[in-house]
């Protein structure tokens, strides 16, 4: 069994009833799903319990893009009139054209509930002063996070992105106790502060909350960020089309637990076969989400492309996960699956011989890459013999990832830094 593993036992009956009602009303509200379900010969009558979700077809990101292109602005899956929508967000578009996400007043309240649960799990309290390093824009990591932190009672400092100078001013003067940002920005801001001749630890942060991209759970990357700030890192995971944050990591727990309550059903599937994967420790798979009570843009078995590993269970039996990458980003080298974030994690283990910054330079668009895998790596403040460092990085990638790499060392600071999501691959010029 996979789905019930992520739904709290006390919530199963309520989720069954809510989801049944959602499925019964979906064809009338959504022309997209009326056609999609009819094409697959399935109706709401096929649903009796959570195990029956596997009888229903998947929804893909491309389906949502096509839906919105056919019926702008919110698509043939909107579910409500635009007059019912109180806010519109957008996906970040890192793997294709961004898509619009509308929320009704009730949807926004559900988002706040889910995100607040996640941040409480991650350690946010009403005593915290949180430097919010994400823009209050279309990005779902902006306004919805603000709403959740205000629900908790935390003091919010919405510094946004592109404002590192003001971030330092806020750290200097406002008694900031926590940083919320992407993993990339948590590292970037620490580098920026060191560039000023200062130590990030002098600001006395007690918590670093990260999310929005893979990386926060990579051991070496996390250890580096924690060392820079002198504060523990906890991670959240969400999806722009479903909810900003659906999983949160308690300090010291070793993974993220589901915090979506009765609003979302989670499945774990084999990304190749689409078959369910049991949520036992060590299992890997792709996360699939179904909205239980969504009014605008309800989604059925939405494939996130987020690849996760189950790291264990909480004391009350809930699965714990880590995100290891996105199937969209995955490269295939002679049949071996390689996540760019895994390459970064390995290179980070060689700090301070390297800065930890990497970029894979693809001769042509992936996912298939002929060996050797071309990787640019920044040497660090104490690189030692650079030829030996090159050999060591290549050996590390070969031994740990089973692929042959061709490493090129580049000076510190020469690879692109991002205040949002880091781009770990690029096409060769």
Protein backbone atom coordinates (compact mmCIF):
# COMPACT_ATOMS: atom_id res chain seq x y z
CA UNK A 1 0.00 0.00 0.00
CA UNK A 2 1.29 3.46 -0.78
CA UNK A 3 -1.35 6.18 -0.50
CA UNK A 4 -2.58 5.44 3.05
CA UNK A 5 1.01 5.70 4.28
CA UNK A 6 0.90 9.48 3.83
CA UNK A 7 -2.63 10.03 5.18
CA UNK A 8 -2.92 10.10 8.97
CA UNK A 9 -5.09 7.19 10.18
CA UNK A 10 -7.52 9.60 11.85
CA UNK A 11 -8.00 11.40 8.51
CA UNK A 12 -8.64 8.41 6.23
CA UNK A 13 -12.44 8.31 6.51
CA UNK A 14 -12.80 12.08 6.09
CA UNK A 15 -10.42 12.12 3.12
CA UNK A 16 -12.34 9.27 1.49
CA UNK A 17 -15.59 11.23 1.72
CA UNK A 18 -14.10 14.53 0.56
CA UNK A 19 -12.31 12.90 -2.34
CA UNK A 20 -15.39 10.99 -3.41
CA UNK A 21 -17.31 14.28 -3.56
CA UNK A 22 -14.45 15.90 -5.51
CA UNK A 23 -14.41 13.08 -8.06
CA UNK A 24 -18.19 13.09 -8.47
CA UNK A 25 -18.24 16.81 -9.26
CA UNK A 26 -15.06 16.97 -11.33
CA UNK A 27 -16.46 16.19 -14.82
CA UNK A 28 -19.16 18.87 -14.54
CA UNK A 29 -16.68 21.50 -13.36
CA UNK A 30 -13.76 20.64 -15.61
CA UNK A 31 -14.08 19.94 -19.36
CA UNK A 32 -10.48 18.71 -19.24
CA UNK A 33 -11.33 15.97 -16.76
CA UNK A 34 -14.69 15.18 -18.34
CA UNK A 35 -12.77 14.20 -21.48
CA UNK A 36 -9.77 12.69 -19.68
CA UNK A 37 -11.87 10.34 -17.54
CA UNK A 38 -14.11 9.40 -20.46
CA UNK A 39 -11.07 8.55 -22.59
CA UNK A 40 -9.88 6.17 -19.89
CA UNK A 41 -13.33 4.71 -19.25
CA UNK A 42 -13.47 5.51 -15.54
CA UNK A 43 -16.01 7.38 -13.40
CA UNK A 44 -16.30 8.39 -9.76
CA UNK A 45 -18.19 5.14 -9.17
CA UNK A 46 -14.82 3.35 -9.36
CA UNK A 47 -13.69 5.07 -6.16
CA UNK A 48 -14.52 3.44 -2.84
CA UNK A 49 -11.27 3.96 -0.92
CA UNK A 50 -7.85 5.53 -1.33
CA UNK A 51 -6.51 2.32 -2.83
CA UNK A 52 -8.83 2.89 -5.79
CA UNK A 53 -6.99 6.03 -6.89
CA UNK A 54 -4.70 3.86 -8.99
CA UNK A 55 -7.70 3.14 -11.26
CA UNK A 56 -7.71 6.79 -12.37
CA UNK A 57 -5.42 8.32 -15.02
CA UNK A 58 -2.50 10.60 -14.29
CA UNK A 59 -2.40 14.33 -15.00
CA UNK A 60 0.80 15.78 -16.46
CA UNK A 61 2.22 19.28 -16.52
CA UNK A 62 1.95 19.34 -20.30
CA UNK A 63 -1.78 18.67 -20.02
CA UNK A 64 -2.13 21.79 -17.86
CA UNK A 65 -0.14 23.91 -20.31
CA UNK A 66 -2.25 22.66 -23.22
CA UNK A 67 -5.43 23.28 -21.22
CA UNK A 68 -4.49 26.90 -20.57
CA UNK A 69 -3.41 27.46 -24.15
CA UNK A 70 -6.81 26.18 -25.32
CA UNK A 71 -8.88 28.17 -22.82
CA UNK A 72 -6.94 31.07 -21.29
CA UNK A 73 -6.35 32.31 -18.72
CA UNK A 74 -6.74 29.41 -16.25
CA UNK A 75 -7.57 26.60 -18.64
CA UNK A 76 -10.19 23.95 -19.22
CA UNK A 77 -9.44 22.62 -15.72
CA UNK A 78 -10.13 25.93 -13.90
CA UNK A 79 -13.22 24.59 -12.13
CA UNK A 80 -14.59 28.02 -11.17
CA UNK A 81 -15.31 31.37 -12.80
CA UNK A 82 -12.58 34.00 -12.64
CA UNK A 83 -14.85 36.08 -10.40
CA UNK A 84 -14.36 33.43 -7.68
CA UNK A 85 -10.56 33.67 -7.85
CA UNK A 86 -8.92 35.93 -5.27
CA UNK A 87 -5.31 35.45 -6.34
CA UNK A 88 -3.32 34.08 -9.26
CA UNK A 89 0.16 32.59 -8.96
CA UNK A 90 2.43 30.95 -11.51
CA UNK A 91 4.80 28.06 -11.61
CA UNK A 92 8.42 29.14 -11.95
CA UNK A 93 8.74 27.68 -15.41
CA UNK A 94 12.13 26.00 -14.84
CA UNK A 95 11.12 22.99 -16.95
CA UNK A 96 8.91 24.70 -19.53
CA UNK A 97 6.44 27.51 -20.05
CA UNK A 98 5.04 28.77 -16.71
CA UNK A 99 1.41 27.94 -15.98
CA UNK A 100 -1.13 29.99 -14.03
CA UNK A 101 -2.54 28.76 -10.73
CA UNK A 102 -5.72 30.35 -9.41
CA UNK A 103 -6.93 30.11 -5.83
CA UNK A 104 -10.30 30.93 -4.34
CA UNK A 105 -10.69 32.31 -0.84
CA UNK A 106 -11.19 28.78 0.48
CA UNK A 107 -8.21 27.47 -1.49
CA UNK A 108 -6.01 30.23 -0.06
CA UNK A 109 -7.12 29.32 3.46
CA UNK A 110 -6.25 25.68 2.79
CA UNK A 111 -2.83 26.69 1.52
CA UNK A 112 -2.22 28.73 4.66
CA UNK A 113 -3.23 25.74 6.79
CA UNK A 114 -0.86 23.37 4.96
CA UNK A 115 2.08 25.76 4.87
CA UNK A 116 1.68 26.76 8.51
CA UNK A 117 1.69 23.08 9.50
CA UNK A 118 4.91 22.61 7.55
CA UNK A 119 6.67 25.62 9.08
CA UNK A 120 5.60 24.67 12.59
CA UNK A 121 7.08 21.24 11.90
CA UNK A 122 10.27 22.88 10.63
CA UNK A 123 10.56 24.84 13.86
CA UNK A 124 8.99 28.26 13.23
CA UNK A 125 7.43 29.90 16.30
CA UNK A 126 5.79 33.20 17.21
CA UNK A 127 9.10 34.26 18.79
CA UNK A 128 10.93 34.11 15.46
CA UNK A 129 11.90 37.07 13.30
CA UNK A 130 12.10 35.54 9.82
CA UNK A 131 14.10 37.08 6.98
CA UNK A 132 11.99 36.03 3.99
CA UNK A 133 14.37 35.74 1.05
CA UNK A 134 11.75 35.16 -1.64
CA UNK A 135 9.86 37.70 -3.68
CA UNK A 136 6.23 38.51 -2.84
CA UNK A 137 5.35 38.05 -6.49
CA UNK A 138 3.70 35.38 -8.65
CA UNK A 139 6.04 32.83 -7.04
CA UNK A 140 4.11 30.54 -4.64
CA UNK A 141 7.04 30.74 -2.24
CA UNK A 142 6.21 34.39 -1.58
CA UNK A 143 2.77 35.54 -0.43
CA UNK A 144 1.55 32.10 0.74
CA UNK A 145 4.62 31.74 2.97
CA UNK A 146 3.95 35.21 4.37
CA UNK A 147 0.36 34.21 5.16
CA UNK A 148 1.50 31.06 6.94
CA UNK A 149 4.19 32.76 9.02
CA UNK A 150 1.70 35.43 10.04
CA UNK A 151 -0.71 32.64 11.05
CA UNK A 152 2.02 31.19 13.26
CA UNK A 153 2.72 34.64 14.69
CA UNK A 154 6.29 35.02 13.46
CA UNK A 155 7.60 38.48 12.62
CA UNK A 156 8.17 38.64 8.88
CA UNK A 157 10.92 40.66 7.19
CA UNK A 158 10.00 40.39 3.46
CA UNK A 159 13.35 41.29 1.97
CA UNK A 160 12.72 39.41 -1.28
CA UNK A 161 15.39 38.65 -3.87
CA UNK A 162 17.98 40.90 -5.46
CA UNK A 163 18.36 42.80 -2.21
CA UNK A 164 21.33 41.24 -0.44
CA UNK A 165 22.57 44.63 0.79
CA UNK A 166 19.23 45.23 2.49
CA UNK A 167 19.26 41.67 3.81
CA UNK A 168 22.53 42.40 5.60
CA UNK A 169 21.07 45.62 6.98
CA UNK A 170 18.08 43.68 8.30
CA UNK A 171 20.36 41.05 9.83
CA UNK A 172 22.36 43.83 11.49
CA UNK A 173 19.44 45.72 12.99
CA UNK A 174 16.23 43.67 13.34
CA UNK A 175 17.22 40.78 15.57
CA UNK A 176 16.54 38.23 12.84
CA UNK A 177 16.44 34.67 14.20
CA UNK A 178 15.63 32.70 11.04
CA UNK A 179 16.22 32.79 7.29
CA UNK A 180 13.76 31.39 4.76
CA UNK A 181 14.99 30.99 1.18
CA UNK A 182 15.99 28.51 -1.48
CA UNK A 183 19.09 26.47 -0.60
CA UNK A 184 20.91 28.38 -3.33
CA UNK A 185 20.15 31.75 -1.77
CA UNK A 186 21.13 30.56 1.72
CA UNK A 187 24.57 29.76 0.30
CA UNK A 188 24.67 32.85 -1.94
CA UNK A 189 23.89 35.22 0.93
CA UNK A 190 26.60 33.65 3.07
CA UNK A 191 29.09 34.11 0.20
CA UNK A 192 27.93 37.71 -0.23
CA UNK A 193 28.50 38.40 3.47
CA UNK A 194 31.97 36.84 3.35
CA UNK A 195 32.69 39.07 0.36
CA UNK A 196 32.09 42.02 2.71
CA UNK A 197 34.80 40.68 5.00
CA UNK A 198 32.27 39.48 7.57
CA UNK A 199 31.29 36.11 9.01
CA UNK A 200 27.63 35.00 8.57
CA UNK A 201 27.73 33.44 12.05
CA UNK A 202 28.09 36.86 13.64
CA UNK A 203 24.39 37.53 13.02
CA UNK A 204 23.35 34.76 15.40
CA UNK A 205 20.74 33.03 13.25
CA UNK A 206 19.13 30.10 15.06
CA UNK A 207 17.24 28.53 12.14
CA UNK A 208 17.51 28.24 8.36
CA UNK A 209 14.36 27.13 6.51
CA UNK A 210 14.92 26.11 2.88
CA UNK A 211 12.78 24.88 -0.01
CA UNK A 212 11.84 25.55 -3.61
CA UNK A 213 14.54 23.34 -5.18
CA UNK A 214 16.47 20.13 -4.45
CA UNK A 215 19.58 20.63 -2.37
CA UNK A 216 18.44 21.32 1.16
CA UNK A 217 18.61 17.63 1.98
CA UNK A 218 21.97 16.89 0.35
CA UNK A 219 24.26 16.06 3.29
CA UNK A 220 27.37 17.92 2.13
CA UNK A 221 25.46 20.95 0.87
CA UNK A 222 23.48 21.12 4.11
CA UNK A 223 26.60 20.74 6.24
CA UNK A 224 28.21 23.63 4.35
CA UNK A 225 25.21 25.95 4.83
CA UNK A 226 24.92 25.00 8.50
CA UNK A 227 28.63 25.63 8.99
CA UNK A 228 28.41 29.03 7.28
CA UNK A 229 25.46 30.26 9.34
CA UNK A 230 26.07 28.32 12.53
CA UNK A 231 22.42 27.26 12.49
CA UNK A 232 20.53 24.04 11.68
CA UNK A 233 18.83 23.71 8.30
CA UNK A 234 15.35 22.25 7.93
CA UNK A 235 13.63 21.68 4.62
CA UNK A 236 10.16 21.99 3.13
CA UNK A 237 8.77 20.59 -0.12
CA UNK A 238 5.78 21.65 -2.18
CA UNK A 239 4.53 22.08 -5.70
CA UNK A 240 3.33 25.26 -7.38
CA UNK A 241 0.34 23.57 -9.00
CA UNK A 242 -0.84 21.87 -5.81
CA UNK A 243 0.34 23.76 -2.70
CA UNK A 244 3.42 25.84 -1.80
CA UNK A 245 4.57 23.47 0.97
CA UNK A 246 3.22 19.98 1.61
CA UNK A 247 6.08 18.42 3.56
CA UNK A 248 8.14 19.77 6.44
CA UNK A 249 11.17 18.48 8.30
CA UNK A 250 11.33 18.56 12.07
CA UNK A 251 14.81 19.42 13.41
CA UNK A 252 16.90 16.28 13.74
CA UNK A 253 14.25 14.01 12.23
CA UNK A 254 16.18 12.94 9.14
CA UNK A 255 13.44 13.68 6.63
CA UNK A 256 10.26 15.56 5.76
CA UNK A 257 6.81 14.42 6.83
CA UNK A 258 3.55 15.13 5.02
CA UNK A 259 1.78 18.23 6.37
CA UNK A 260 -1.07 18.48 3.86
CA UNK A 261 -3.68 17.19 6.31
CA UNK A 262 -7.02 16.49 4.64
CA UNK A 263 -6.37 18.73 1.64
CA UNK A 264 -4.14 16.52 -0.53
CA UNK A 265 -3.58 12.81 -1.11
CA UNK A 266 -0.01 11.70 -1.84
CA UNK A 267 1.08 8.65 -3.79
CA UNK A 268 4.53 7.28 -4.47
CA UNK A 269 4.97 5.64 -7.87
CA UNK A 270 7.64 4.06 -10.02
CA UNK A 271 8.33 6.85 -12.55
CA UNK A 272 8.87 4.35 -15.37
CA UNK A 273 5.91 1.99 -14.89
CA UNK A 274 3.53 4.28 -13.01
CA UNK A 275 2.87 1.48 -10.53
CA UNK A 276 2.56 2.21 -6.79
CA UNK A 277 5.65 1.99 -4.60
CA UNK A 278 5.33 1.12 -0.92
CA UNK A 279 6.52 3.85 1.42
CA UNK A 280 9.03 1.66 3.23
CA UNK A 281 12.44 2.93 4.32
CA UNK A 282 14.84 3.04 1.38
CA UNK A 283 12.10 3.10 -1.26
CA UNK A 284 12.43 5.63 -4.08
CA UNK A 285 9.80 6.98 -6.41
CA UNK A 286 7.99 9.96 -7.87
CA UNK A 287 5.46 11.96 -5.86
CA UNK A 288 1.92 12.16 -7.24
CA UNK A 289 -0.69 14.53 -5.76
CA UNK A 290 -4.49 14.61 -5.84
CA UNK A 291 -6.38 17.62 -4.49
CA UNK A 292 -9.13 16.61 -2.09
CA UNK A 293 -11.09 19.85 -1.66
CA UNK A 294 -9.65 22.25 -4.23
CA UNK A 295 -12.09 24.71 -5.85
CA UNK A 296 -9.91 26.33 -8.53
CA UNK A 297 -7.67 24.18 -10.71
CA UNK A 298 -8.38 20.84 -8.98
CA UNK A 299 -5.90 18.14 -9.99
CA UNK A 300 -6.21 14.37 -10.16
CA UNK A 301 -3.10 12.21 -9.78
CA UNK A 302 -0.76 15.01 -10.80
CA UNK A 303 2.75 13.78 -11.60
CA UNK A 304 5.19 16.17 -9.94
CA UNK A 305 8.42 14.71 -11.40
CA UNK A 306 9.91 15.07 -7.90
CA UNK A 307 12.00 11.98 -7.14
CA UNK A 308 12.18 11.17 -3.43
CA UNK A 309 13.62 8.54 -1.14
CA UNK A 310 11.88 7.33 2.03
CA UNK A 311 14.38 7.86 4.86
CA UNK A 312 12.40 6.38 7.74
CA UNK A 313 9.29 6.98 9.82
CA UNK A 314 8.21 9.28 12.61
CA UNK A 315 7.31 7.98 16.06
CA UNK A 316 3.66 7.98 15.00
CA UNK A 317 4.40 5.97 11.85
CA UNK A 318 4.36 8.68 9.16
CA UNK A 319 6.87 8.26 6.30
CA UNK A 320 9.83 10.64 6.13
CA UNK A 321 11.24 11.62 2.74
CA UNK A 322 14.08 13.49 1.05
CA UNK A 323 13.89 14.95 -2.44
CA UNK A 324 16.84 13.70 -4.49
CA UNK A 325 16.03 15.53 -7.73
CA UNK A 326 13.56 15.95 -10.53
CA UNK A 327 13.06 13.47 -13.33
CA UNK A 328 12.94 16.49 -15.66
CA UNK A 329 16.53 17.30 -14.70
CA UNK A 330 17.85 13.74 -14.71
CA UNK A 331 20.58 12.86 -17.20
CA UNK A 332 21.25 9.40 -18.61
CA UNK A 333 24.89 8.46 -19.21
CA UNK A 334 25.25 5.03 -20.82
CA UNK A 335 22.09 3.88 -19.09
CA UNK A 336 23.03 5.32 -15.68
CA UNK A 337 20.64 7.89 -14.19
CA UNK A 338 22.49 10.97 -12.93
CA UNK A 339 20.89 13.84 -11.02
CA UNK A 340 22.89 17.09 -11.35
CA UNK A 341 22.19 17.78 -7.67
CA UNK A 342 24.00 14.53 -6.81
CA UNK A 343 27.10 15.77 -8.67
CA UNK A 344 26.93 19.01 -6.70
CA UNK A 345 26.63 17.10 -3.44
CA UNK A 346 29.75 15.06 -4.19
CA UNK A 347 31.79 18.12 -5.16
CA UNK A 348 30.65 19.86 -1.97
CA UNK A 349 32.31 17.09 0.08
CA UNK A 350 35.68 18.39 -1.16
CA UNK A 351 35.21 21.85 0.40
CA UNK A 352 37.43 23.89 0.99
CA UNK A 353 39.39 22.46 -1.96
CA UNK A 354 36.30 23.41 -4.00
CA UNK A 355 33.66 26.08 -3.42
CA UNK A 356 30.97 23.47 -4.05
CA UNK A 357 29.73 25.27 -7.17
CA UNK A 358 29.35 23.08 -10.25
CA UNK A 359 27.80 23.20 -13.69
CA UNK A 360 27.33 20.38 -16.17
CA UNK A 361 27.99 21.64 -19.69
CA UNK A 362 25.87 19.63 -22.12
CA UNK A 363 26.94 19.40 -25.77
CA UNK A 364 23.25 19.05 -26.66
CA UNK A 365 19.94 18.94 -24.84
CA UNK A 366 19.52 15.89 -22.58
CA UNK A 367 18.57 13.63 -21.09
CA UNK A 368 21.04 11.32 -22.88
CA UNK A 369 24.68 12.31 -22.61
CA UNK A 370 27.63 10.50 -24.15
CA UNK A 371 30.52 10.00 -21.72
CA UNK A 372 32.53 11.61 -20.39
CA UNK A 373 30.10 13.88 -18.55
CA UNK A 374 31.50 17.45 -18.86
CA UNK A 375 31.55 19.13 -15.44
CA UNK A 376 32.90 22.56 -14.51
CA UNK A 377 33.97 22.85 -10.87
CA UNK A 378 35.14 25.95 -9.01
CA UNK A 379 38.34 25.45 -7.08
CA UNK A 380 38.16 26.68 -3.50
CA UNK A 381 40.23 28.70 -1.09
CA UNK A 382 42.58 25.76 -0.39
CA UNK A 383 42.62 23.71 -3.61
CA UNK A 384 46.10 22.23 -3.26
CA UNK A 385 47.49 20.80 -6.47
CA UNK A 386 44.82 21.53 -9.09
CA UNK A 387 45.71 18.62 -11.33
CA UNK A 388 45.28 16.30 -8.37
CA UNK A 389 42.01 18.00 -7.47
CA UNK A 390 40.73 17.37 -11.01
CA UNK A 391 41.64 13.70 -10.73
CA UNK A 392 40.03 13.46 -7.29
CA UNK A 393 36.74 14.96 -8.48
CA UNK A 394 36.64 12.66 -11.50
CA UNK A 395 37.37 9.63 -9.32
CA UNK A 396 34.70 10.63 -6.82
CA UNK A 397 32.05 10.93 -9.54
CA UNK A 398 33.16 7.66 -11.15
CA UNK A 399 33.19 5.71 -7.89
CA UNK A 400 29.96 7.10 -6.42
CA UNK A 401 27.79 7.68 -9.50
CA UNK A 402 29.28 5.04 -11.85
CA UNK A 403 29.83 7.48 -14.71
CA UNK A 404 32.99 8.85 -16.29
CA UNK A 405 33.37 12.63 -16.02
CA UNK A 406 35.66 15.18 -17.64
CA UNK A 407 36.23 17.86 -15.02
CA UNK A 408 37.37 21.40 -15.82
CA UNK A 409 38.43 23.56 -12.89
CA UNK A 410 37.41 27.22 -13.02
CA UNK A 411 38.19 30.15 -10.68
CA UNK A 412 36.03 30.82 -7.60
CA UNK A 413 33.00 32.97 -8.40
CA UNK A 414 33.08 32.27 -12.14
CA UNK A 415 30.00 30.03 -12.23
CA UNK A 416 26.61 31.71 -12.19
CA UNK A 417 25.10 32.29 -8.76
CA UNK A 418 21.35 32.51 -8.33
CA UNK A 419 19.23 34.08 -5.63
CA UNK A 420 16.40 31.73 -6.61
CA UNK A 421 16.89 28.27 -8.10
CA UNK A 422 20.38 27.34 -9.19
CA UNK A 423 20.85 26.08 -12.73
CA UNK A 424 23.17 23.09 -12.55
CA UNK A 425 23.28 22.40 -16.30
CA UNK A 426 23.74 24.54 -19.38
CA UNK A 427 24.18 23.94 -23.08
CA UNK A 428 27.66 24.48 -24.45
CA UNK A 429 28.02 27.65 -26.51
